[in-house]
Amino acid sequence: MTAFFALATSLLWGLADFGGGVLTRRLPALTVVVVSQGIAAAVLGAIVVATGGWSEAGPRLWFACAAGLAGPVALICFYKALALGPMGVVSPLGTLSVAIPVGVGLFLGERPGPVQAMGIAVAVAGVILAGGPQMRGAPVQRRAIVLTLIAALGFGTVFVLIAEASTSVTGLFLALFVQRVVNVGVGGAALYVSVRRGAPALPATGFPWPSLPALAFVGLADVAANGTYAVAARLGPVTVAAVLASLYPVVTALAARGFLSERLRTLQTAGAGLALLGTVLLATG
């Protein structure tokens, strides 16, 4: 079940990142974050009320607040990076975020077996190769890499924090709601400062209402991924859950190939195969 929920996380995050990257080519990254996370917060608020999640309020919600502070920074940096460079190049670098939860798991005493350790190494290498990293080229590419590394640090921090934010299903809904409220607050404040400095919050043509369903999908897929990861981390070793969840860049790269016709090179195809092999080793080890 750990593998199932972790792989569901990678699918949801991969599709959310693809959608966020496409939307950031039409809208400012801050606007994408605030609107998509605002929609997710509204839906989660209704779920919390319906399930009585408020009864689960406690000290663990501080972890959700901290995740809410780190999340917008990571999302904004990552969406900007996706808008600057080919998704198949930028997204795999985001897998470096896995180093943080894996490191925490090892620090807390988790020791994966030999097969799982091999699976971790193979999967991470495969995800990086699946994007065919291009470390040379125009300054835009280097800027995209820097933004992605900052995002990876933020994502890894969220991985760790959200796994500690609840101990029950209803508590998880409440934690995710609090996280999204903080996300919107931080993102909204950043958007306000950005507008005051002269940056537009919307394109000259106004709010693109046809993009609203896509914005909703990005926000809801992102929050669902946080939820499935929290469940995966509770059911099994964090080291395994984090690595399997980090396969989302492969999903983003394949989505870019399917919808944007970004070509996969031989190196990328081989990387995807290694990622799949690493997944099998982790799931069976």
C-alpha atoms as a PDB file:
ATOM      1  CA  MET A   1       0.000   0.000   0.000  1.00  0.00           C
ATOM      2  CA  THR A   2       2.928   2.340   0.587  1.00  0.00           C
ATOM      3  CA  ALA A   3       3.995   1.841  -3.025  1.00  0.00           C
ATOM      4  CA  PHE A   4       0.429   2.373  -4.279  1.00  0.00           C
ATOM      5  CA  PHE A   5      -0.099   5.676  -2.490  1.00  0.00           C
ATOM      6  CA  ALA A   6       3.418   6.908  -3.259  1.00  0.00           C
ATOM      7  CA  LEU A   7       3.013   6.153  -6.975  1.00  0.00           C
ATOM      8  CA  ALA A   8      -0.385   7.877  -6.919  1.00  0.00           C
ATOM      9  CA  THR A   9       1.450  10.875  -5.467  1.00  0.00           C
ATOM     10  CA  SER A  10       3.938  10.882  -8.334  1.00  0.00           C
ATOM     11  CA  LEU A  11       1.118  10.731 -10.900  1.00  0.00           C
ATOM     12  CA  LEU A  12      -0.833  13.578  -9.288  1.00  0.00           C
ATOM     13  CA  TRP A  13       2.200  15.807  -8.756  1.00  0.00           C
ATOM     14  CA  GLY A  14       3.469  15.132 -12.253  1.00  0.00           C
ATOM     15  CA  LEU A  15       0.183  16.185 -13.844  1.00  0.00           C
ATOM     16  CA  ALA A  16      -0.147  19.183 -11.504  1.00  0.00           C
ATOM     17  CA  ASP A  17       3.376  20.352 -12.405  1.00  0.00           C
ATOM     18  CA  PHE A  18       2.654  19.961 -16.095  1.00  0.00           C
ATOM     19  CA  GLY A  19      -0.543  21.992 -15.778  1.00  0.00           C
ATOM     20  CA  GLY A  20       1.149  24.625 -13.628  1.00  0.00           C
ATOM     21  CA  GLY A  21       4.001  24.979 -16.091  1.00  0.00           C
ATOM     22  CA  VAL A  22       1.628  25.441 -19.030  1.00  0.00           C
ATOM     23  CA  LEU A  23      -0.501  27.964 -17.144  1.00  0.00           C
ATOM     24  CA  THR A  24       2.579  29.972 -16.119  1.00  0.00           C
ATOM     25  CA  ARG A  25       3.245  30.582 -19.794  1.00  0.00           C
ATOM     26  CA  ARG A  26      -0.080  32.465 -19.891  1.00  0.00           C
ATOM     27  CA  LEU A  27      -0.337  33.891 -16.365  1.00  0.00           C
ATOM     28  CA  PRO A  28       2.154  35.155 -13.761  1.00  0.00           C
ATOM     29  CA  ALA A  29       3.397  32.331 -11.518  1.00  0.00           C
ATOM     30  CA  LEU A  30       2.079  34.088  -8.402  1.00  0.00           C
ATOM     31  CA  THR A  31      -1.403  34.305  -9.888  1.00  0.00           C
ATOM     32  CA  VAL A  32      -1.349  30.616 -10.781  1.00  0.00           C
ATOM     33  CA  VAL A  33      -0.318  29.703  -7.229  1.00  0.00           C
ATOM     34  CA  VAL A  34      -2.851  31.944  -5.480  1.00  0.00           C
ATOM     35  CA  VAL A  35      -5.835  31.004  -7.647  1.00  0.00           C
ATOM     36  CA  SER A  36      -5.127  27.264  -7.815  1.00  0.00           C
ATOM     37  CA  GLN A  37      -4.380  26.991  -4.101  1.00  0.00           C
ATOM     38  CA  GLY A  38      -7.389  29.188  -3.282  1.00  0.00           C
ATOM     39  CA  ILE A  39      -9.684  26.782  -5.113  1.00  0.00           C
ATOM     40  CA  ALA A  40      -8.097  23.849  -3.285  1.00  0.00           C
ATOM     41  CA  ALA A  41      -8.533  25.624   0.064  1.00  0.00           C
ATOM     42  CA  ALA A  42     -12.243  26.215  -0.618  1.00  0.00           C
ATOM     43  CA  VAL A  43     -12.836  22.563  -1.477  1.00  0.00           C
ATOM     44  CA  LEU A  44     -10.866  21.360   1.546  1.00  0.00           C
ATOM     45  CA  GLY A  45     -12.744  23.763   3.801  1.00  0.00           C
ATOM     46  CA  ALA A  46     -16.024  22.179   2.746  1.00  0.00           C
ATOM     47  CA  ILE A  47     -14.590  18.699   3.377  1.00  0.00           C
ATOM     48  CA  VAL A  48     -13.346  19.679   6.835  1.00  0.00           C
ATOM     49  CA  VAL A  49     -16.786  21.014   7.781  1.00  0.00           C
ATOM     50  CA  ALA A  50     -18.522  17.905   6.407  1.00  0.00           C
ATOM     51  CA  THR A  51     -16.202  15.464   8.220  1.00  0.00           C
ATOM     52  CA  GLY A  52     -15.892  17.353  11.483  1.00  0.00           C
ATOM     53  CA  GLY A  53     -12.191  17.763  10.980  1.00  0.00           C
ATOM     54  CA  TRP A  54     -12.000  20.741  13.360  1.00  0.00           C
ATOM     55  CA  SER A  55     -12.080  18.257  16.254  1.00  0.00           C
ATOM     56  CA  GLU A  56      -8.580  17.129  15.202  1.00  0.00           C
ATOM     57  CA  ALA A  57      -7.016  20.554  15.851  1.00  0.00           C
ATOM     58  CA  GLY A  58      -3.837  20.304  17.891  1.00  0.00           C
ATOM     59  CA  PRO A  59      -0.119  21.085  18.061  1.00  0.00           C
ATOM     60  CA  ARG A  60       0.597  19.043  14.924  1.00  0.00           C
ATOM     61  CA  LEU A  61      -1.061  21.758  12.847  1.00  0.00           C
ATOM     62  CA  TRP A  62       2.111  23.824  13.273  1.00  0.00           C
ATOM     63  CA  PHE A  63       3.745  21.373  10.878  1.00  0.00           C
ATOM     64  CA  ALA A  64       0.979  22.181   8.370  1.00  0.00           C
ATOM     65  CA  CYS A  65       1.563  25.916   8.862  1.00  0.00           C
ATOM     66  CA  ALA A  66       5.289  25.485   8.241  1.00  0.00           C
ATOM     67  CA  ALA A  67       4.546  23.438   5.113  1.00  0.00           C
ATOM     68  CA  GLY A  68       2.227  26.225   4.001  1.00  0.00           C
ATOM     69  CA  LEU A  69       5.076  28.732   4.285  1.00  0.00           C
ATOM     70  CA  ALA A  70       7.562  26.626   2.337  1.00  0.00           C
ATOM     71  CA  GLY A  71       5.121  25.443  -0.324  1.00  0.00           C
ATOM     72  CA  PRO A  72       4.407  28.743  -2.140  1.00  0.00           C
ATOM     73  CA  VAL A  73       8.102  29.584  -2.447  1.00  0.00           C
ATOM     74  CA  ALA A  74       8.781  26.170  -3.952  1.00  0.00           C
ATOM     75  CA  LEU A  75       5.778  26.310  -6.293  1.00  0.00           C
ATOM     76  CA  ILE A  76       6.534  29.817  -7.560  1.00  0.00           C
ATOM     77  CA  CYS A  77      10.169  28.959  -8.262  1.00  0.00           C
ATOM     78  CA  PHE A  78       9.239  25.699  -9.927  1.00  0.00           C
ATOM     79  CA  TYR A  79       6.495  27.145 -12.118  1.00  0.00           C
ATOM     80  CA  LYS A  80       8.815  29.924 -13.243  1.00  0.00           C
ATOM     81  CA  ALA A  81      11.481  27.362 -14.058  1.00  0.00           C
ATOM     82  CA  LEU A  82       8.999  25.249 -16.020  1.00  0.00           C
ATOM     83  CA  ALA A  83       7.955  28.322 -17.986  1.00  0.00           C
ATOM     84  CA  LEU A  84      11.580  29.201 -18.782  1.00  0.00           C
ATOM     85  CA  GLY A  85      12.902  25.869 -19.938  1.00  0.00           C
ATOM     86  CA  PRO A  86      11.708  22.582 -21.497  1.00  0.00           C
ATOM     87  CA  MET A  87       9.675  20.676 -18.929  1.00  0.00           C
ATOM     88  CA  GLY A  88      11.603  17.529 -19.682  1.00  0.00           C
ATOM     89  CA  VAL A  89      14.800  19.294 -18.608  1.00  0.00           C
ATOM     90  CA  VAL A  90      13.586  21.301 -15.622  1.00  0.00           C
ATOM     91  CA  SER A  91      11.257  18.825 -13.959  1.00  0.00           C
ATOM     92  CA  PRO A  92      13.721  15.953 -13.330  1.00  0.00           C
ATOM     93  CA  LEU A  93      15.997  18.272 -11.357  1.00  0.00           C
ATOM     94  CA  GLY A  94      13.131  18.652  -8.924  1.00  0.00           C
ATOM     95  CA  THR A  95      13.712  15.055  -7.863  1.00  0.00           C
ATOM     96  CA  LEU A  96      16.640  16.287  -5.774  1.00  0.00           C
ATOM     97  CA  SER A  97      13.971  17.177  -3.220  1.00  0.00           C
ATOM     98  CA  VAL A  98      13.925  13.497  -2.282  1.00  0.00           C
ATOM     99  CA  ALA A  99      17.280  13.918  -0.541  1.00  0.00           C
ATOM    100  CA  ILE A 100      15.637  15.764   2.366  1.00  0.00           C
ATOM    101  CA  PRO A 101      12.970  13.222   3.429  1.00  0.00           C
ATOM    102  CA  VAL A 102      15.329  10.314   2.724  1.00  0.00           C
ATOM    103  CA  GLY A 103      18.002  11.992   4.851  1.00  0.00           C
ATOM    104  CA  VAL A 104      15.496  12.570   7.652  1.00  0.00           C
ATOM    105  CA  GLY A 105      14.360   8.958   7.470  1.00  0.00           C
ATOM    106  CA  LEU A 106      17.925   7.684   7.704  1.00  0.00           C
ATOM    107  CA  PHE A 107      18.628  10.073  10.586  1.00  0.00           C
ATOM    108  CA  LEU A 108      15.618   8.723  12.457  1.00  0.00           C
ATOM    109  CA  GLY A 109      16.883   5.176  12.107  1.00  0.00           C
ATOM    110  CA  GLU A 110      15.275   3.819   8.926  1.00  0.00           C
ATOM    111  CA  ARG A 111      17.584   1.384   7.147  1.00  0.00           C
ATOM    112  CA  PRO A 112      16.397   0.163   3.742  1.00  0.00           C
ATOM    113  CA  GLY A 113      17.457  -3.349   2.769  1.00  0.00           C
ATOM    114  CA  PRO A 114      20.021  -3.989   0.032  1.00  0.00           C
ATOM    115  CA  VAL A 115      17.386  -4.359  -2.702  1.00  0.00           C
ATOM    116  CA  GLN A 116      15.589  -1.189  -1.621  1.00  0.00           C
ATOM    117  CA  ALA A 117      18.859   0.736  -1.392  1.00  0.00           C
ATOM    118  CA  MET A 118      19.643  -0.326  -4.942  1.00  0.00           C
ATOM    119  CA  GLY A 119      16.122   0.679  -5.970  1.00  0.00           C
ATOM    120  CA  ILE A 120      16.578   4.149  -4.457  1.00  0.00           C
ATOM    121  CA  ALA A 121      19.811   4.698  -6.394  1.00  0.00           C
ATOM    122  CA  VAL A 122      18.408   3.352  -9.663  1.00  0.00           C
ATOM    123  CA  ALA A 123      15.121   5.293  -9.405  1.00  0.00           C
ATOM    124  CA  VAL A 124      16.748   8.646  -8.616  1.00  0.00           C
ATOM    125  CA  ALA A 125      19.314   8.210 -11.395  1.00  0.00           C
ATOM    126  CA  GLY A 126      16.545   7.240 -13.809  1.00  0.00           C
ATOM    127  CA  VAL A 127      14.407  10.266 -12.980  1.00  0.00           C
ATOM    128  CA  ILE A 128      17.331  12.644 -13.526  1.00  0.00           C
ATOM    129  CA  LEU A 129      18.273  10.995 -16.824  1.00  0.00           C
ATOM    130  CA  ALA A 130      14.630  10.949 -17.955  1.00  0.00           C
ATOM    131  CA  GLY A 131      14.821  14.707 -18.423  1.00  0.00           C
ATOM    132  CA  GLY A 132      18.065  14.600 -20.373  1.00  0.00           C
ATOM    133  CA  PRO A 133      19.611  17.360 -18.221  1.00  0.00           C
ATOM    134  CA  GLN A 134      21.199  20.095 -20.322  1.00  0.00           C
ATOM    135  CA  MET A 135      23.620  21.994 -18.126  1.00  0.00           C
ATOM    136  CA  ARG A 136      24.949  24.072 -21.028  1.00  0.00           C
ATOM    137  CA  GLY A 137      23.276  26.775 -23.051  1.00  0.00           C
ATOM    138  CA  ALA A 138      21.637  30.144 -22.635  1.00  0.00           C
ATOM    139  CA  PRO A 139      21.428  32.070 -19.335  1.00  0.00           C
ATOM    140  CA  VAL A 140      17.729  31.280 -19.230  1.00  0.00           C
ATOM    141  CA  GLN A 141      18.578  27.612 -18.775  1.00  0.00           C
ATOM    142  CA  ARG A 142      20.948  28.351 -15.902  1.00  0.00           C
ATOM    143  CA  ARG A 143      18.327  30.536 -14.235  1.00  0.00           C
ATOM    144  CA  ALA A 144      15.789  27.742 -14.607  1.00  0.00           C
ATOM    145  CA  ILE A 145      18.201  25.328 -12.929  1.00  0.00           C
ATOM    146  CA  VAL A 146      18.769  27.662  -9.978  1.00  0.00           C
ATOM    147  CA  LEU A 147      15.024  28.158  -9.536  1.00  0.00           C
ATOM    148  CA  THR A 148      14.467  24.406  -9.687  1.00  0.00           C
ATOM    149  CA  LEU A 149      17.084  23.736  -7.007  1.00  0.00           C
ATOM    150  CA  ILE A 150      15.403  26.268  -4.709  1.00  0.00           C
ATOM    151  CA  ALA A 151      12.078  24.614  -5.439  1.00  0.00           C
ATOM    152  CA  ALA A 152      13.544  21.178  -4.688  1.00  0.00           C
ATOM    153  CA  LEU A 153      14.652  22.371  -1.251  1.00  0.00           C
ATOM    154  CA  GLY A 154      11.151  23.687  -0.572  1.00  0.00           C
ATOM    155  CA  PHE A 155       9.424  20.547  -1.856  1.00  0.00           C
ATOM    156  CA  GLY A 156      11.659  18.323   0.248  1.00  0.00           C
ATOM    157  CA  THR A 157      10.824  20.387   3.322  1.00  0.00           C
ATOM    158  CA  VAL A 158       7.098  20.062   2.590  1.00  0.00           C
ATOM    159  CA  PHE A 159       7.558  16.286   2.203  1.00  0.00           C
ATOM    160  CA  VAL A 160       8.878  16.082   5.753  1.00  0.00           C
ATOM    161  CA  LEU A 161       6.452  18.527   7.363  1.00  0.00           C
ATOM    162  CA  ILE A 162       3.188  17.288   5.871  1.00  0.00           C
ATOM    163  CA  ALA A 163       3.969  13.705   6.902  1.00  0.00           C
ATOM    164  CA  GLU A 164       4.064  14.913  10.516  1.00  0.00           C
ATOM    165  CA  ALA A 165       0.985  17.118  10.372  1.00  0.00           C
ATOM    166  CA  SER A 166      -1.670  14.530  11.211  1.00  0.00           C
ATOM    167  CA  THR A 167      -2.306  11.034  12.539  1.00  0.00           C
ATOM    168  CA  SER A 168      -5.814  10.384  11.139  1.00  0.00           C
ATOM    169  CA  VAL A 169      -7.762  10.851   7.912  1.00  0.00           C
ATOM    170  CA  THR A 170      -9.932  13.686   9.216  1.00  0.00           C
ATOM    171  CA  GLY A 171      -6.859  15.255  10.773  1.00  0.00           C
ATOM    172  CA  LEU A 172      -5.150  15.036   7.396  1.00  0.00           C
ATOM    173  CA  PHE A 173      -7.990  16.973   5.747  1.00  0.00           C
ATOM    174  CA  LEU A 174      -7.654  19.663   8.397  1.00  0.00           C
ATOM    175  CA  ALA A 175      -3.861  19.775   8.027  1.00  0.00           C
ATOM    176  CA  LEU A 176      -4.100  20.091   4.253  1.00  0.00           C
ATOM    177  CA  PHE A 177      -6.717  22.847   4.633  1.00  0.00           C
ATOM    178  CA  VAL A 178      -4.498  24.804   7.035  1.00  0.00           C
ATOM    179  CA  GLN A 179      -1.554  24.328   4.698  1.00  0.00           C
ATOM    180  CA  ARG A 180      -3.560  25.715   1.771  1.00  0.00           C
ATOM    181  CA  VAL A 181      -4.843  28.697   3.750  1.00  0.00           C
ATOM    182  CA  VAL A 182      -1.264  29.604   4.635  1.00  0.00           C
ATOM    183  CA  ASN A 183      -0.264  29.006   1.002  1.00  0.00           C
ATOM    184  CA  VAL A 184      -2.882  31.483  -0.181  1.00  0.00           C
ATOM    185  CA  GLY A 185      -1.930  34.013   2.492  1.00  0.00           C
ATOM    186  CA  VAL A 186       1.772  33.903   1.648  1.00  0.00           C
ATOM    187  CA  GLY A 187       1.164  33.817  -2.096  1.00  0.00           C
ATOM    188  CA  GLY A 188      -1.396  36.604  -1.884  1.00  0.00           C
ATOM    189  CA  ALA A 189       1.004  38.828   0.061  1.00  0.00           C
ATOM    190  CA  ALA A 190       3.749  38.175  -2.494  1.00  0.00           C
ATOM    191  CA  LEU A 191       1.330  38.927  -5.332  1.00  0.00           C
ATOM    192  CA  TYR A 192       0.309  42.217  -3.667  1.00  0.00           C
ATOM    193  CA  VAL A 193       3.953  43.273  -3.305  1.00  0.00           C
ATOM    194  CA  SER A 194       4.626  42.272  -6.902  1.00  0.00           C
ATOM    195  CA  VAL A 195       1.716  44.364  -8.195  1.00  0.00           C
ATOM    196  CA  ARG A 196       2.777  47.344  -6.099  1.00  0.00           C
ATOM    197  CA  ARG A 197       6.179  47.120  -7.770  1.00  0.00           C
ATOM    198  CA  GLY A 198       4.569  47.309 -11.190  1.00  0.00           C
ATOM    199  CA  ALA A 199       4.338  43.679 -12.219  1.00  0.00           C
ATOM    200  CA  PRO A 200       0.983  42.695 -13.725  1.00  0.00           C
ATOM    201  CA  ALA A 201      -1.191  40.190 -11.893  1.00  0.00           C
ATOM    202  CA  LEU A 202      -3.090  39.345 -15.074  1.00  0.00           C
ATOM    203  CA  PRO A 203      -2.392  39.524 -18.812  1.00  0.00           C
ATOM    204  CA  ALA A 204      -3.537  42.608 -20.714  1.00  0.00           C
ATOM    205  CA  THR A 205      -6.622  40.732 -21.912  1.00  0.00           C
ATOM    206  CA  GLY A 206      -7.817  40.184 -18.332  1.00  0.00           C
ATOM    207  CA  PHE A 207      -8.455  36.967 -16.430  1.00  0.00           C
ATOM    208  CA  PRO A 208      -8.531  33.996 -18.814  1.00  0.00           C
ATOM    209  CA  TRP A 209     -11.735  32.360 -17.617  1.00  0.00           C
ATOM    210  CA  PRO A 210     -11.312  29.359 -19.954  1.00  0.00           C
ATOM    211  CA  SER A 211      -8.227  28.499 -17.875  1.00  0.00           C
ATOM    212  CA  LEU A 212     -10.219  28.260 -14.626  1.00  0.00           C
ATOM    213  CA  PRO A 213     -10.823  24.478 -14.884  1.00  0.00           C
ATOM    214  CA  ALA A 214      -7.095  23.952 -15.449  1.00  0.00           C
ATOM    215  CA  LEU A 215      -6.282  26.117 -12.425  1.00  0.00           C
ATOM    216  CA  ALA A 216      -8.731  24.094 -10.343  1.00  0.00           C
ATOM    217  CA  PHE A 217      -7.172  20.856 -11.528  1.00  0.00           C
ATOM    218  CA  VAL A 218      -3.661  22.037 -10.630  1.00  0.00           C
ATOM    219  CA  GLY A 219      -4.702  23.048  -7.112  1.00  0.00           C
ATOM    220  CA  LEU A 220      -6.767  19.927  -6.405  1.00  0.00           C
ATOM    221  CA  ALA A 221      -4.187  17.531  -7.880  1.00  0.00           C
ATOM    222  CA  ASP A 222      -1.474  19.165  -5.790  1.00  0.00           C
ATOM    223  CA  VAL A 223      -3.439  18.861  -2.553  1.00  0.00           C
ATOM    224  CA  ALA A 224      -4.449  15.276  -3.368  1.00  0.00           C
ATOM    225  CA  ALA A 225      -0.788  14.436  -3.917  1.00  0.00           C
ATOM    226  CA  ASN A 226       0.088  15.866  -0.509  1.00  0.00           C
ATOM    227  CA  GLY A 227      -2.610  13.678   1.001  1.00  0.00           C
ATOM    228  CA  THR A 228      -1.556  10.450  -0.710  1.00  0.00           C
ATOM    229  CA  TYR A 229       2.061  11.093   0.237  1.00  0.00           C
ATOM    230  CA  ALA A 230       1.153  11.632   3.892  1.00  0.00           C
ATOM    231  CA  VAL A 231      -0.702   8.291   3.848  1.00  0.00           C
ATOM    232  CA  ALA A 232       2.227   6.544   2.121  1.00  0.00           C
ATOM    233  CA  ALA A 233       4.697   7.894   4.677  1.00  0.00           C
ATOM    234  CA  ARG A 234       2.470   6.661   7.499  1.00  0.00           C
ATOM    235  CA  LEU A 235       2.030   3.167   6.071  1.00  0.00           C
ATOM    236  CA  GLY A 236       5.672   2.425   5.331  1.00  0.00           C
ATOM    237  CA  PRO A 237       9.257   3.680   5.446  1.00  0.00           C
ATOM    238  CA  VAL A 238       9.658   7.336   4.552  1.00  0.00           C
ATOM    239  CA  THR A 239      12.736   6.478   2.497  1.00  0.00           C
ATOM    240  CA  VAL A 240      10.643   4.256   0.201  1.00  0.00           C
ATOM    241  CA  ALA A 241       7.591   6.532   0.081  1.00  0.00           C
ATOM    242  CA  ALA A 242       9.669   9.617  -0.728  1.00  0.00           C
ATOM    243  CA  VAL A 243      11.603   7.993  -3.565  1.00  0.00           C
ATOM    244  CA  LEU A 244       8.511   6.525  -5.216  1.00  0.00           C
ATOM    245  CA  ALA A 245       6.664   9.829  -4.857  1.00  0.00           C
ATOM    246  CA  SER A 246       9.626  11.622  -6.432  1.00  0.00           C
ATOM    247  CA  LEU A 247       8.993   9.877  -9.755  1.00  0.00           C
ATOM    248  CA  TYR A 248       6.594  12.693 -10.685  1.00  0.00           C
ATOM    249  CA  PRO A 249       9.118  14.330 -13.081  1.00  0.00           C
ATOM    250  CA  VAL A 250       8.791  11.299 -15.347  1.00  0.00           C
ATOM    251  CA  VAL A 251       5.037  11.918 -15.506  1.00  0.00           C
ATOM    252  CA  THR A 252       5.636  15.602 -16.303  1.00  0.00           C
ATOM    253  CA  ALA A 253       8.141  14.731 -19.030  1.00  0.00           C
ATOM    254  CA  LEU A 254       5.765  12.211 -20.597  1.00  0.00           C
ATOM    255  CA  ALA A 255       2.894  14.708 -20.445  1.00  0.00           C
ATOM    256  CA  ALA A 256       5.090  17.301 -22.157  1.00  0.00           C
ATOM    257  CA  ARG A 257       5.900  14.699 -24.811  1.00  0.00           C
ATOM    258  CA  GLY A 258       2.249  13.841 -25.343  1.00  0.00           C
ATOM    259  CA  PHE A 259       0.693  17.325 -25.245  1.00  0.00           C
ATOM    260  CA  LEU A 260       3.518  19.669 -26.261  1.00  0.00           C
ATOM    261  CA  SER A 261       5.420  17.310 -28.567  1.00  0.00           C
ATOM    262  CA  GLU A 262       8.674  17.730 -26.643  1.00  0.00           C
ATOM    263  CA  ARG A 263      10.842  14.966 -28.065  1.00  0.00           C
ATOM    264  CA  LEU A 264      12.317  12.325 -25.781  1.00  0.00           C
ATOM    265  CA  ARG A 265      15.928  11.490 -26.576  1.00  0.00           C
ATOM    266  CA  THR A 266      17.523   8.071 -26.152  1.00  0.00           C
ATOM    267  CA  LEU A 267      18.959   9.186 -22.809  1.00  0.00           C
ATOM    268  CA  GLN A 268      15.526  10.207 -21.569  1.00  0.00           C
ATOM    269  CA  THR A 269      13.940   6.937 -22.644  1.00  0.00           C
ATOM    270  CA  ALA A 270      16.680   4.986 -20.885  1.00  0.00           C
ATOM    271  CA  GLY A 271      16.148   7.119 -17.771  1.00  0.00           C
ATOM    272  CA  ALA A 272      12.432   6.370 -17.750  1.00  0.00           C
ATOM    273  CA  GLY A 273      13.276   2.668 -17.951  1.00  0.00           C
ATOM    274  CA  LEU A 274      15.672   2.958 -15.015  1.00  0.00           C
ATOM    275  CA  ALA A 275      13.037   4.809 -13.000  1.00  0.00           C
ATOM    276  CA  LEU A 276      10.605   1.960 -13.654  1.00  0.00           C
ATOM    277  CA  LEU A 277      13.233  -0.611 -12.655  1.00  0.00           C
ATOM    278  CA  GLY A 278      13.955   1.308  -9.446  1.00  0.00           C
ATOM    279  CA  THR A 279      10.224   1.361  -8.699  1.00  0.00           C
ATOM    280  CA  VAL A 280      10.015  -2.413  -9.048  1.00  0.00           C
ATOM    281  CA  LEU A 281      13.036  -2.908  -6.771  1.00  0.00           C
ATOM    282  CA  LEU A 282      11.567  -0.618  -4.118  1.00  0.00           C
ATOM    283  CA  ALA A 283       8.136  -2.205  -4.275  1.00  0.00           C
ATOM    284  CA  THR A 284       9.454  -5.783  -4.059  1.00  0.00           C
ATOM    285  CA  GLY A 285      12.388  -5.183  -1.682  1.00  0.00           C
END
